[in-house]
N, C-alpha and C. Protein backbone atom coordinates (compact mmCIF):
# COMPACT_ATOMS: atom_id res chain seq x y z
N MET A 1 68.01 -51.35 3.06
CA MET A 1 68.23 -50.25 3.74
C MET A 1 67.70 -48.90 2.88
N VAL A 2 67.03 -48.18 3.16
CA VAL A 2 66.58 -46.97 2.48
C VAL A 2 67.39 -45.97 2.44
N ARG A 3 67.40 -45.69 0.91
CA ARG A 3 68.61 -44.41 0.65
C ARG A 3 68.34 -42.99 1.34
N VAL A 4 69.43 -42.05 1.20
CA VAL A 4 69.18 -40.89 1.94
C VAL A 4 69.64 -39.58 1.31
N LYS A 5 68.81 -38.97 0.85
CA LYS A 5 69.72 -37.46 0.07
C LYS A 5 69.17 -36.68 0.68
N ILE A 6 70.32 -35.71 1.20
CA ILE A 6 70.63 -34.22 1.75
C ILE A 6 70.53 -33.59 0.72
N CYS A 7 69.46 -32.53 0.39
CA CYS A 7 69.49 -31.71 -0.32
C CYS A 7 69.77 -30.26 0.28
N GLY A 8 69.41 -29.62 -1.09
CA GLY A 8 70.27 -28.33 -0.70
C GLY A 8 71.15 -27.78 -0.10
N ILE A 9 72.32 -28.56 -0.46
CA ILE A 9 73.71 -28.35 0.00
C ILE A 9 74.47 -27.22 -0.75
N THR A 10 74.82 -26.18 0.03
CA THR A 10 75.35 -25.13 -0.62
C THR A 10 77.29 -24.71 -0.24
N ASN A 11 77.63 -25.80 0.69
CA ASN A 11 79.22 -25.58 0.93
C ASN A 11 79.61 -26.75 1.21
N TRP A 12 81.08 -27.10 1.17
CA TRP A 12 81.83 -27.96 1.54
C TRP A 12 81.57 -28.81 3.04
N PRO A 13 81.69 -27.89 3.91
CA PRO A 13 81.05 -27.96 5.02
C PRO A 13 80.15 -28.82 5.87
N ASP A 14 79.27 -28.60 4.93
CA ASP A 14 77.75 -29.02 4.97
C ASP A 14 77.72 -30.36 4.63
N ALA A 15 78.32 -30.83 3.43
CA ALA A 15 78.54 -31.88 2.25
C ALA A 15 79.18 -32.79 3.33
N LYS A 16 80.24 -32.18 3.84
CA LYS A 16 81.03 -33.44 4.58
C LYS A 16 80.40 -33.78 5.70
N VAL A 17 79.86 -33.25 6.84
CA VAL A 17 78.93 -33.45 7.91
C VAL A 17 77.83 -34.52 7.04
N SER A 18 77.41 -34.21 6.18
CA SER A 18 76.30 -35.45 5.55
C SER A 18 77.05 -36.88 5.05
N VAL A 19 78.18 -36.55 4.44
CA VAL A 19 79.00 -37.40 4.02
C VAL A 19 79.48 -38.52 5.24
N ASP A 20 80.36 -37.71 6.05
CA ASP A 20 80.59 -38.40 7.44
C ASP A 20 79.58 -39.50 8.19
N ALA A 21 78.24 -38.87 8.17
CA ALA A 21 77.21 -39.43 8.38
C ALA A 21 76.74 -40.63 8.33
N GLY A 22 76.96 -40.60 6.92
CA GLY A 22 76.19 -41.60 5.94
C GLY A 22 75.35 -41.40 4.62
N ALA A 23 75.02 -40.47 4.23
CA ALA A 23 74.38 -39.99 3.63
C ALA A 23 74.97 -40.48 1.85
N ASP A 24 74.00 -41.05 1.39
CA ASP A 24 74.28 -41.81 -0.09
C ASP A 24 73.88 -40.80 -1.30
N ALA A 25 73.55 -39.76 -0.83
CA ALA A 25 73.40 -38.65 -2.02
C ALA A 25 73.52 -37.20 -1.79
N LEU A 26 74.17 -36.48 -2.18
CA LEU A 26 73.84 -34.81 -1.85
C LEU A 26 72.97 -34.40 -2.98
N GLY A 27 72.13 -33.44 -2.65
CA GLY A 27 71.22 -32.54 -3.82
C GLY A 27 71.92 -31.20 -3.84
N PHE A 28 72.06 -30.54 -4.80
CA PHE A 28 72.73 -29.17 -5.53
C PHE A 28 71.79 -28.46 -6.27
N ASN A 29 71.15 -27.38 -5.61
CA ASN A 29 69.96 -26.44 -6.27
C ASN A 29 70.20 -25.75 -7.21
N PHE A 30 69.90 -25.74 -8.37
CA PHE A 30 70.49 -24.87 -9.38
C PHE A 30 69.12 -23.91 -9.89
N PHE A 31 68.16 -23.59 -9.27
CA PHE A 31 67.21 -22.88 -9.24
C PHE A 31 67.27 -21.37 -8.58
N ALA A 32 67.66 -20.28 -8.87
CA ALA A 32 68.16 -18.96 -8.50
C ALA A 32 67.22 -18.88 -7.68
N ALA A 33 66.04 -18.82 -7.73
CA ALA A 33 64.95 -18.17 -6.65
C ALA A 33 64.76 -19.08 -5.26
N SER A 34 65.95 -20.22 -5.21
CA SER A 34 65.72 -20.65 -3.88
C SER A 34 66.79 -20.34 -3.04
N PRO A 35 66.27 -20.37 -1.84
CA PRO A 35 67.25 -19.84 -0.47
C PRO A 35 68.63 -20.92 -0.68
N ARG A 36 68.58 -22.00 -1.29
CA ARG A 36 69.70 -23.14 -0.94
C ARG A 36 70.17 -23.02 -2.66
N SER A 37 70.06 -22.05 -3.19
CA SER A 37 70.80 -22.08 -4.69
C SER A 37 72.04 -21.87 -4.91
N ILE A 38 72.63 -22.99 -5.34
CA ILE A 38 74.12 -22.70 -5.52
C ILE A 38 74.99 -22.43 -7.16
N SER A 39 75.79 -21.81 -7.47
CA SER A 39 76.31 -21.67 -8.52
C SER A 39 76.53 -22.83 -9.11
N PRO A 40 76.89 -23.00 -10.22
CA PRO A 40 77.69 -23.87 -10.95
C PRO A 40 79.08 -24.36 -10.49
N ALA A 41 79.67 -23.31 -10.41
CA ALA A 41 81.10 -23.21 -10.25
C ALA A 41 81.37 -24.06 -8.63
N ALA A 42 80.68 -23.14 -7.73
CA ALA A 42 80.40 -23.35 -6.14
C ALA A 42 79.97 -24.77 -6.15
N ALA A 43 78.87 -25.80 -6.82
CA ALA A 43 78.73 -26.83 -6.86
C ALA A 43 80.09 -27.56 -7.22
N TRP A 44 80.44 -27.38 -8.50
CA TRP A 44 81.87 -27.93 -8.83
C TRP A 44 82.79 -27.87 -7.65
N ASP A 45 83.27 -27.23 -6.68
CA ASP A 45 84.20 -27.24 -5.75
C ASP A 45 83.87 -28.29 -4.83
N VAL A 46 82.35 -28.48 -4.59
CA VAL A 46 82.23 -29.42 -3.37
C VAL A 46 81.98 -30.92 -4.22
N ILE A 47 81.96 -31.04 -5.40
CA ILE A 47 81.63 -32.46 -5.95
C ILE A 47 82.93 -32.95 -6.10
N ARG A 48 83.78 -32.13 -6.71
CA ARG A 48 85.24 -32.77 -7.10
C ARG A 48 85.53 -33.53 -5.73
N ARG A 49 85.19 -33.22 -4.49
CA ARG A 49 85.95 -33.10 -3.51
C ARG A 49 84.93 -34.53 -2.75
N LEU A 50 84.28 -35.15 -2.98
CA LEU A 50 83.02 -35.95 -2.37
C LEU A 50 84.12 -37.06 -2.94
N PRO A 51 83.83 -38.38 -2.04
CA PRO A 51 84.50 -39.76 -2.29
C PRO A 51 83.67 -40.74 -3.40
N PRO A 52 83.97 -41.50 -3.46
CA PRO A 52 83.31 -42.57 -4.54
C PRO A 52 82.28 -43.18 -3.59
N PHE A 53 81.05 -43.09 -4.68
CA PHE A 53 80.12 -44.00 -4.55
C PHE A 53 79.02 -43.05 -3.66
N VAL A 54 79.54 -41.69 -3.21
CA VAL A 54 78.13 -40.69 -2.85
C VAL A 54 77.98 -39.83 -4.40
N ALA A 55 76.51 -40.20 -4.11
CA ALA A 55 75.96 -39.56 -5.64
C ALA A 55 76.08 -37.97 -5.45
N ALA A 56 75.95 -37.11 -6.42
CA ALA A 56 75.85 -35.86 -6.72
C ALA A 56 74.71 -35.36 -7.38
N ILE A 57 73.35 -35.31 -6.85
CA ILE A 57 72.14 -34.90 -7.96
C ILE A 57 71.94 -33.04 -8.14
N GLY A 58 71.94 -32.90 -9.12
CA GLY A 58 71.50 -31.86 -9.63
C GLY A 58 70.10 -31.61 -9.38
N VAL A 59 69.47 -30.24 -8.92
CA VAL A 59 68.35 -29.92 -9.33
C VAL A 59 67.93 -28.66 -10.13
N PHE A 60 67.11 -28.75 -10.88
CA PHE A 60 66.66 -28.16 -11.92
C PHE A 60 65.11 -27.65 -11.77
N VAL A 61 64.73 -26.76 -12.33
CA VAL A 61 63.46 -26.27 -12.74
C VAL A 61 63.33 -25.70 -13.97
N ASP A 62 62.54 -26.06 -14.96
CA ASP A 62 62.37 -25.66 -16.16
C ASP A 62 63.01 -25.62 -16.76
N TRP A 63 64.26 -26.06 -17.05
CA TRP A 63 65.88 -25.99 -18.04
C TRP A 63 65.44 -26.33 -19.51
N GLN A 64 65.92 -26.02 -20.53
CA GLN A 64 66.16 -26.66 -21.54
C GLN A 64 66.41 -28.06 -21.39
N PRO A 65 66.00 -29.19 -22.08
CA PRO A 65 66.74 -30.32 -21.68
C PRO A 65 68.32 -30.32 -22.38
N SER A 66 68.59 -29.71 -23.34
CA SER A 66 70.22 -30.15 -23.49
C SER A 66 70.48 -29.28 -22.59
N VAL A 67 70.54 -28.14 -22.05
CA VAL A 67 71.27 -27.55 -20.83
C VAL A 67 71.21 -28.24 -19.64
N VAL A 68 70.43 -28.76 -19.27
CA VAL A 68 70.69 -30.01 -18.38
C VAL A 68 71.47 -30.77 -18.52
N ALA A 69 71.34 -31.71 -19.79
CA ALA A 69 72.40 -32.53 -20.20
C ALA A 69 73.56 -31.96 -19.89
N ALA A 70 73.66 -30.70 -20.56
CA ALA A 70 75.55 -30.35 -20.80
C ALA A 70 76.01 -30.07 -19.30
N LEU A 71 75.44 -29.41 -18.26
CA LEU A 71 75.41 -29.57 -17.11
C LEU A 71 75.85 -30.52 -16.33
N ALA A 72 74.83 -31.01 -16.17
CA ALA A 72 75.37 -32.49 -15.81
C ALA A 72 76.51 -33.45 -16.24
N ARG A 73 76.50 -33.38 -17.65
CA ARG A 73 78.09 -34.11 -17.79
C ARG A 73 79.13 -32.94 -17.46
N ALA A 74 79.21 -31.90 -17.58
CA ALA A 74 80.15 -30.92 -17.09
C ALA A 74 80.66 -30.91 -15.82
N LEU A 75 79.65 -31.20 -14.64
CA LEU A 75 79.68 -31.25 -13.41
C LEU A 75 79.69 -32.97 -12.91
N ARG A 76 79.76 -33.68 -13.50
CA ARG A 76 80.01 -35.32 -13.72
C ARG A 76 78.69 -36.00 -12.34
N LEU A 77 77.51 -35.16 -12.50
CA LEU A 77 76.51 -35.37 -11.68
C LEU A 77 75.91 -36.86 -11.42
N SER A 78 75.59 -37.36 -10.83
CA SER A 78 75.25 -38.66 -10.84
C SER A 78 73.77 -38.76 -11.12
N GLY A 79 73.36 -38.00 -11.41
CA GLY A 79 71.64 -37.47 -11.80
C GLY A 79 71.18 -36.36 -11.82
N VAL A 80 69.44 -36.28 -12.14
CA VAL A 80 69.06 -35.12 -12.17
C VAL A 80 68.43 -35.07 -11.78
N GLN A 81 67.24 -34.18 -10.65
CA GLN A 81 66.10 -33.96 -10.76
C GLN A 81 65.37 -32.75 -11.06
N LEU A 82 64.44 -33.16 -11.70
CA LEU A 82 63.47 -32.06 -12.72
C LEU A 82 62.34 -31.97 -11.59
N HIS A 83 62.70 -30.66 -11.00
CA HIS A 83 61.44 -29.97 -9.83
C HIS A 83 60.75 -28.90 -10.24
N GLY A 84 60.38 -28.94 -11.67
CA GLY A 84 59.61 -27.83 -12.17
C GLY A 84 58.30 -28.32 -12.87
N ASP A 85 57.71 -27.87 -14.11
CA ASP A 85 56.64 -28.11 -14.58
C ASP A 85 56.76 -29.30 -16.12
N GLU A 86 57.98 -29.64 -15.72
CA GLU A 86 58.58 -30.58 -17.31
C GLU A 86 57.56 -31.43 -17.73
N SER A 87 57.18 -31.29 -18.85
CA SER A 87 56.25 -32.23 -19.44
C SER A 87 57.01 -33.53 -19.55
N PRO A 88 55.71 -34.75 -19.88
CA PRO A 88 56.64 -36.17 -19.88
C PRO A 88 57.35 -36.43 -21.45
N ALA A 89 57.37 -35.37 -22.57
CA ALA A 89 58.47 -35.53 -23.48
C ALA A 89 59.40 -34.70 -23.15
N ALA A 90 59.29 -33.61 -22.17
CA ALA A 90 60.85 -33.03 -21.57
C ALA A 90 61.83 -34.13 -20.91
N VAL A 91 60.74 -34.60 -19.91
CA VAL A 91 62.11 -35.94 -19.31
C VAL A 91 62.11 -37.01 -20.06
N ARG A 92 61.06 -37.56 -21.08
CA ARG A 92 62.19 -38.43 -21.98
C ARG A 92 63.11 -37.62 -22.88
N GLU A 93 63.27 -36.51 -23.07
CA GLU A 93 64.34 -36.05 -23.77
C GLU A 93 65.51 -35.99 -23.11
N ILE A 94 65.28 -35.56 -21.35
CA ILE A 94 66.46 -35.67 -20.95
C ILE A 94 67.45 -36.66 -20.45
N VAL A 95 66.03 -37.61 -20.20
CA VAL A 95 66.74 -39.12 -20.11
C VAL A 95 67.53 -39.56 -21.34
N ARG A 96 67.07 -39.33 -22.58
CA ARG A 96 67.87 -39.56 -23.77
C ARG A 96 69.33 -39.29 -23.78
N GLU A 97 69.26 -37.56 -23.69
CA GLU A 97 70.22 -36.77 -23.70
C GLU A 97 71.22 -37.28 -22.70
N LEU A 98 70.95 -38.24 -21.59
CA LEU A 98 71.93 -38.34 -20.48
C LEU A 98 72.52 -39.64 -20.79
N ALA A 99 71.24 -40.74 -21.30
CA ALA A 99 71.84 -42.03 -21.35
C ALA A 99 72.71 -42.62 -20.39
N ALA A 100 73.79 -43.40 -20.36
CA ALA A 100 74.50 -43.89 -19.59
C ALA A 100 75.15 -42.82 -18.22
N HIS A 101 74.86 -41.28 -18.74
CA HIS A 101 75.61 -40.44 -17.61
C HIS A 101 75.06 -40.05 -16.61
N GLY A 102 73.81 -40.81 -16.17
CA GLY A 102 73.00 -40.38 -14.82
C GLY A 102 71.64 -40.61 -15.02
N THR A 103 70.97 -41.10 -13.84
CA THR A 103 69.38 -40.95 -13.73
C THR A 103 68.87 -39.96 -13.69
N VAL A 104 67.42 -39.91 -14.03
CA VAL A 104 66.51 -38.87 -13.68
C VAL A 104 65.42 -39.10 -12.68
N ILE A 105 65.47 -38.19 -12.10
CA ILE A 105 64.39 -37.94 -11.25
C ILE A 105 63.54 -36.97 -11.43
N LYS A 106 62.14 -37.51 -11.35
CA LYS A 106 61.26 -36.25 -11.48
C LYS A 106 60.44 -36.07 -10.19
N ALA A 107 60.43 -34.66 -9.97
CA ALA A 107 59.53 -34.42 -8.74
C ALA A 107 58.04 -33.88 -8.97
N VAL A 108 56.92 -34.63 -8.30
CA VAL A 108 55.59 -34.35 -8.31
C VAL A 108 55.39 -33.87 -6.76
N GLN A 109 54.55 -32.83 -7.27
CA GLN A 109 53.84 -32.37 -5.75
C GLN A 109 52.48 -32.99 -5.74
N MET A 110 52.54 -33.80 -4.42
CA MET A 110 51.13 -34.27 -4.16
C MET A 110 50.21 -33.34 -3.91
N MET A 111 49.72 -32.67 -5.06
CA MET A 111 48.52 -31.78 -4.69
C MET A 111 47.11 -32.35 -4.67
N ARG A 112 46.44 -31.26 -4.13
CA ARG A 112 44.72 -31.98 -3.76
C ARG A 112 44.46 -32.47 -5.15
N GLY A 113 43.71 -34.09 -5.06
CA GLY A 113 43.15 -34.92 -6.20
C GLY A 113 44.41 -35.62 -6.69
N PHE A 114 45.65 -35.36 -6.42
CA PHE A 114 46.65 -36.08 -6.78
C PHE A 114 46.16 -37.55 -6.95
N THR A 115 46.73 -38.55 -8.13
CA THR A 115 46.36 -40.26 -7.63
C THR A 115 47.41 -40.78 -8.31
N PRO A 116 48.32 -41.96 -7.51
CA PRO A 116 49.00 -42.62 -7.85
C PRO A 116 49.41 -43.06 -9.54
N GLY A 117 48.26 -43.43 -10.21
CA GLY A 117 48.03 -43.57 -11.48
C GLY A 117 48.55 -42.49 -12.61
N SER A 118 48.69 -41.71 -11.76
CA SER A 118 48.89 -39.96 -12.67
C SER A 118 50.82 -40.22 -12.93
N LEU A 119 51.15 -41.38 -12.02
CA LEU A 119 52.66 -41.07 -12.35
C LEU A 119 53.15 -42.10 -13.86
N LYS A 120 52.19 -42.63 -14.13
CA LYS A 120 52.26 -43.13 -15.21
C LYS A 120 53.00 -42.72 -16.26
N ARG A 121 52.54 -41.40 -16.96
CA ARG A 121 53.27 -40.19 -17.82
C ARG A 121 54.59 -39.90 -17.30
N PHE A 122 54.95 -40.39 -16.67
CA PHE A 122 56.66 -40.10 -16.04
C PHE A 122 57.66 -41.70 -16.10
N SER A 123 56.90 -42.39 -16.79
CA SER A 123 57.50 -43.79 -16.49
C SER A 123 58.96 -44.15 -17.44
N ALA A 124 59.55 -42.97 -17.86
CA ALA A 124 60.84 -42.93 -18.54
C ALA A 124 61.51 -42.90 -17.36
N ALA A 125 61.37 -41.72 -16.20
CA ALA A 125 62.24 -41.05 -15.19
C ALA A 125 62.61 -42.45 -14.37
N GLY A 126 63.99 -42.54 -13.99
CA GLY A 126 64.29 -43.54 -12.81
C GLY A 126 63.64 -43.73 -11.76
N ALA A 127 62.82 -42.52 -11.19
CA ALA A 127 62.45 -42.48 -9.99
C ALA A 127 61.66 -41.19 -9.91
N ILE A 128 60.41 -41.02 -9.20
CA ILE A 128 59.45 -39.89 -8.86
C ILE A 128 59.71 -39.32 -7.47
N LEU A 129 60.27 -38.29 -7.59
CA LEU A 129 60.29 -37.50 -5.75
C LEU A 129 59.14 -37.25 -5.71
N LEU A 130 58.07 -37.49 -4.27
CA LEU A 130 57.03 -36.97 -3.94
C LEU A 130 57.21 -35.77 -2.96
N ASP A 131 56.55 -34.84 -3.15
CA ASP A 131 56.81 -33.74 -2.33
C ASP A 131 55.62 -32.82 -1.79
N GLY A 132 55.96 -32.31 -0.85
CA GLY A 132 54.22 -31.54 -0.41
C GLY A 132 54.24 -30.42 -1.01
N SER A 133 52.93 -29.90 -1.05
CA SER A 133 52.84 -28.83 -2.27
C SER A 133 52.71 -27.75 -1.17
N ARG A 134 52.82 -26.19 -1.60
CA ARG A 134 52.78 -25.03 -1.14
C ARG A 134 53.11 -24.27 -2.07
N ALA A 135 52.23 -23.34 -2.04
CA ALA A 135 52.03 -22.24 -3.06
C ALA A 135 53.33 -21.29 -2.85
N GLY A 136 53.96 -21.08 -4.43
CA GLY A 136 55.13 -20.38 -4.82
C GLY A 136 56.17 -21.08 -4.15
N LEU A 137 56.25 -22.17 -4.07
CA LEU A 137 57.78 -22.93 -3.59
C LEU A 137 57.76 -24.15 -4.23
N ARG A 138 59.06 -24.23 -4.78
CA ARG A 138 59.60 -25.49 -5.72
C ARG A 138 60.41 -26.35 -4.44
N GLY A 139 59.93 -27.28 -3.92
CA GLY A 139 60.60 -27.72 -2.81
C GLY A 139 61.00 -27.35 -1.63
N GLY A 140 61.33 -28.05 -0.88
CA GLY A 140 61.93 -27.46 0.68
C GLY A 140 60.66 -26.94 1.09
N THR A 141 59.56 -27.11 1.19
CA THR A 141 58.21 -26.54 1.84
C THR A 141 58.15 -26.86 3.31
N GLY A 142 58.48 -28.01 3.36
CA GLY A 142 58.02 -28.26 5.26
C GLY A 142 56.55 -28.97 4.98
N ALA A 143 56.27 -28.96 3.98
CA ALA A 143 54.32 -29.91 3.93
C ALA A 143 54.80 -31.08 3.51
N THR A 144 54.26 -32.04 4.90
CA THR A 144 54.00 -33.62 4.79
C THR A 144 52.99 -33.87 3.97
N VAL A 145 53.69 -35.06 3.10
CA VAL A 145 52.86 -35.69 2.13
C VAL A 145 51.65 -37.09 3.08
N ASP A 146 51.02 -37.13 1.93
CA ASP A 146 50.02 -38.62 2.67
C ASP A 146 51.11 -39.86 2.52
N TRP A 147 51.33 -40.31 3.28
CA TRP A 147 52.47 -41.68 3.35
C TRP A 147 51.70 -42.89 2.61
N ASP A 148 50.41 -42.66 3.31
CA ASP A 148 49.81 -43.84 2.85
C ASP A 148 49.45 -43.95 1.53
N LEU A 149 49.13 -42.93 0.90
CA LEU A 149 49.21 -42.90 -0.95
C LEU A 149 50.39 -43.19 -1.27
N ALA A 150 51.53 -42.12 -0.49
CA ALA A 150 52.91 -42.43 -1.35
C ALA A 150 52.94 -43.92 -1.67
N ARG A 151 52.62 -44.70 -0.61
CA ARG A 151 53.08 -46.25 -0.71
C ARG A 151 52.80 -46.80 -1.62
N ARG A 152 51.05 -46.40 -1.76
CA ARG A 152 50.48 -46.97 -3.28
C ARG A 152 51.36 -46.44 -4.33
N CYS A 153 51.98 -45.33 -4.33
CA CYS A 153 52.78 -45.09 -5.67
C CYS A 153 53.92 -46.01 -6.05
N GLY A 154 54.30 -46.28 -5.25
CA GLY A 154 55.39 -47.33 -5.51
C GLY A 154 54.96 -48.67 -5.97
N SER A 155 53.74 -48.72 -6.71
CA SER A 155 53.54 -49.80 -7.97
C SER A 155 53.86 -49.21 -9.57
N TYR A 156 54.10 -47.76 -9.04
CA TYR A 156 54.40 -47.39 -10.69
C TYR A 156 55.61 -46.69 -10.77
N ALA A 157 56.80 -46.42 -9.55
CA ALA A 157 57.68 -46.26 -9.80
C ALA A 157 58.86 -46.18 -8.33
N ASN A 158 59.82 -46.01 -8.46
CA ASN A 158 60.74 -46.13 -7.58
C ASN A 158 60.75 -44.38 -7.35
N ILE A 159 60.29 -45.14 -5.51
CA ILE A 159 59.53 -43.42 -4.97
C ILE A 159 60.69 -42.79 -3.94
N VAL A 160 60.95 -41.75 -4.01
CA VAL A 160 62.00 -40.54 -3.23
C VAL A 160 61.10 -40.08 -2.64
N LEU A 161 60.84 -40.36 -1.20
CA LEU A 161 59.83 -39.56 -0.36
C LEU A 161 60.41 -38.35 0.45
N ALA A 162 59.91 -37.26 -0.15
CA ALA A 162 60.36 -35.74 0.63
C ALA A 162 59.08 -35.47 1.22
N GLY A 163 59.33 -33.92 1.50
CA GLY A 163 58.09 -33.23 2.10
C GLY A 163 58.05 -33.19 3.51
N GLY A 164 58.28 -32.26 4.48
CA GLY A 164 58.25 -32.44 5.89
C GLY A 164 58.68 -33.62 6.70
N LEU A 165 60.17 -34.11 5.82
CA LEU A 165 60.67 -34.97 6.62
C LEU A 165 61.51 -34.23 7.70
N ALA A 166 61.70 -35.01 8.59
CA ALA A 166 62.91 -34.60 10.06
C ALA A 166 63.01 -35.73 10.52
N PRO A 167 64.35 -35.60 11.49
CA PRO A 167 64.61 -37.02 12.52
C PRO A 167 63.17 -37.18 13.10
N ASP A 168 62.43 -36.61 13.67
CA ASP A 168 61.53 -37.23 14.41
C ASP A 168 60.57 -37.94 13.76
N ASN A 169 60.29 -37.70 12.26
CA ASN A 169 59.30 -38.39 11.82
C ASN A 169 59.62 -38.99 10.50
N VAL A 170 60.90 -39.31 10.52
CA VAL A 170 61.31 -40.12 8.81
C VAL A 170 61.28 -41.49 9.35
N ALA A 171 61.77 -42.34 10.46
CA ALA A 171 61.50 -43.62 10.66
C ALA A 171 60.03 -44.18 10.55
N GLU A 172 59.39 -43.07 10.78
CA GLU A 172 57.75 -43.55 10.77
C GLU A 172 57.08 -43.28 9.45
N ALA A 173 57.66 -42.22 8.83
CA ALA A 173 57.52 -41.98 7.28
C ALA A 173 57.64 -43.32 6.49
N ILE A 174 58.85 -43.85 6.41
CA ILE A 174 59.64 -45.44 5.79
C ILE A 174 58.60 -46.44 6.32
N SER A 175 58.26 -46.33 7.39
CA SER A 175 57.76 -47.43 7.95
C SER A 175 56.44 -47.56 7.15
N VAL A 176 55.87 -46.43 7.31
CA VAL A 176 54.01 -46.56 6.50
C VAL A 176 54.36 -46.41 4.69
N ALA A 177 55.32 -45.53 4.18
CA ALA A 177 55.37 -45.11 2.97
C ALA A 177 56.14 -46.24 2.36
N LYS A 178 57.26 -47.11 2.91
CA LYS A 178 58.40 -47.92 2.22
C LYS A 178 58.84 -47.49 0.81
N PRO A 179 59.22 -46.20 0.81
CA PRO A 179 59.86 -45.79 -0.40
C PRO A 179 61.34 -46.24 -0.53
N TYR A 180 62.08 -46.13 -2.06
CA TYR A 180 63.41 -46.47 -2.28
C TYR A 180 64.48 -45.48 -1.34
N ALA A 181 63.86 -44.16 -1.55
CA ALA A 181 64.87 -43.81 -0.59
C ALA A 181 63.83 -42.31 -0.16
N VAL A 182 64.60 -41.61 0.83
CA VAL A 182 64.13 -40.28 1.16
C VAL A 182 64.96 -39.07 1.08
N ASP A 183 64.63 -37.82 0.97
CA ASP A 183 65.02 -36.59 0.79
C ASP A 183 64.36 -35.36 1.70
N VAL A 184 65.51 -34.51 2.20
CA VAL A 184 65.12 -33.92 3.32
C VAL A 184 66.34 -32.58 3.14
N ALA A 185 65.76 -31.44 3.09
CA ALA A 185 66.28 -30.29 2.70
C ALA A 185 66.02 -28.99 4.32
N SER A 186 64.72 -28.81 4.39
CA SER A 186 64.59 -27.75 5.50
C SER A 186 64.46 -28.46 6.97
N GLY A 187 64.07 -29.87 6.97
CA GLY A 187 64.37 -30.78 8.04
C GLY A 187 65.27 -30.92 8.95
N VAL A 188 66.59 -30.34 8.04
CA VAL A 188 67.73 -30.54 9.00
C VAL A 188 68.56 -29.52 9.00
N GLU A 189 68.23 -28.20 8.58
CA GLU A 189 68.95 -26.84 8.51
C GLU A 189 68.72 -25.93 9.97
N LEU A 190 69.49 -24.89 10.17
CA LEU A 190 69.62 -24.21 10.82
C LEU A 190 69.01 -22.90 10.66
N LYS A 191 69.00 -22.84 9.09
CA LYS A 191 68.48 -21.52 8.08
C LYS A 191 68.42 -22.01 6.65
N PRO A 192 67.92 -21.99 5.93
CA PRO A 192 67.52 -21.84 4.63
C PRO A 192 69.13 -22.37 4.35
N GLY A 193 69.75 -22.76 3.83
CA GLY A 193 70.85 -23.34 3.11
C GLY A 193 72.22 -23.27 3.60
N LYS A 194 71.79 -23.66 5.44
CA LYS A 194 72.55 -24.07 5.90
C LYS A 194 72.33 -25.29 7.09
N LYS A 195 73.26 -25.95 7.06
CA LYS A 195 72.86 -27.48 7.49
C LYS A 195 73.39 -27.39 9.21
N ASP A 196 71.95 -28.02 10.18
CA ASP A 196 72.53 -28.16 11.50
C ASP A 196 73.05 -29.52 12.08
N PRO A 197 74.32 -29.74 11.52
CA PRO A 197 74.96 -30.75 12.02
C PRO A 197 74.44 -32.46 12.51
N ALA A 198 74.03 -31.51 14.07
CA ALA A 198 73.37 -32.66 15.23
C ALA A 198 71.80 -33.23 14.50
N ARG A 199 71.45 -32.16 13.78
CA ARG A 199 69.86 -32.61 12.99
C ARG A 199 70.30 -33.87 11.52
N VAL A 200 71.53 -33.33 10.84
CA VAL A 200 71.57 -34.26 9.62
C VAL A 200 72.19 -35.65 10.17
N ARG A 201 73.24 -35.89 11.57
CA ARG A 201 73.39 -37.03 12.01
C ARG A 201 72.22 -37.70 12.38
N ALA A 202 71.44 -36.99 13.20
CA ALA A 202 69.98 -37.55 13.81
C ALA A 202 69.05 -38.14 12.54
N PHE A 203 69.04 -37.55 11.55
CA PHE A 203 68.24 -37.83 10.54
C PHE A 203 68.54 -39.08 9.72
N ILE A 204 69.69 -39.36 9.81
CA ILE A 204 70.60 -40.48 8.42
C ILE A 204 70.60 -41.77 9.87
N ARG A 205 70.88 -41.31 11.00
CA ARG A 205 70.60 -42.44 12.10
C ARG A 205 69.00 -43.06 11.91
N ALA A 206 67.93 -42.30 12.14
CA ALA A 206 66.54 -42.57 12.26
C ALA A 206 66.37 -43.49 10.97
N ALA A 207 66.84 -43.01 9.54
CA ALA A 207 66.24 -43.59 8.41
C ALA A 207 67.06 -44.63 8.20
N GLN A 208 68.18 -44.86 8.25
CA GLN A 208 69.21 -46.05 8.72
C GLN A 208 68.42 -47.09 9.54
N SER A 209 68.16 -46.81 10.67
CA SER A 209 67.61 -47.84 11.94
C SER A 209 65.64 -48.14 11.09
N ALA A 210 65.31 -47.38 10.33
CA ALA A 210 63.78 -47.98 10.21
C ALA A 210 63.52 -49.00 9.58
N ARG A 211 62.54 -49.53 9.76
CA ARG A 211 62.05 -51.03 9.57
C ARG A 211 60.70 -50.91 8.40
């Protein structure tokens, strides 16, 4: 069964709805310019209440590797998602810094000219998140990716599929792209930073029933 990550969690009620619906992971966005950003202190207030086996993933944009690793350890994150222009060398350094403390996911926007083979440069990462591209945005774009192309990317990495996913299309996306996991933020929101409980439940049901 494909794993499900609900990203852009900013408060405990949204986290609880997601966990109760069956989410495997929650994303906490530390990019200050995002409408879904959360402070480390507020994130910890949520993370410390999560049940066992629900992963807490921190989302970072172009932070220094040592700072990413330090905050990941302090918040007891299960992993980190690098959503900026981090170089392959920076990804490798963060992987080394975290070692046994969590996985590293590198987000890649599927811009014009993207090829699956380009993912080889991030081979140190535990997974690659494929996201849609929209000028000026780092995730939560609502832009759908090419699912057939995403499926070909599975030859190079564990793929986390994002970009424009919603309750009404996630099952088809999984069927076509065959990802390791799916990630959603804007597709289950009432407004940026606030989840719609009904859409969260519908999304997870659809993802879990996909073949």
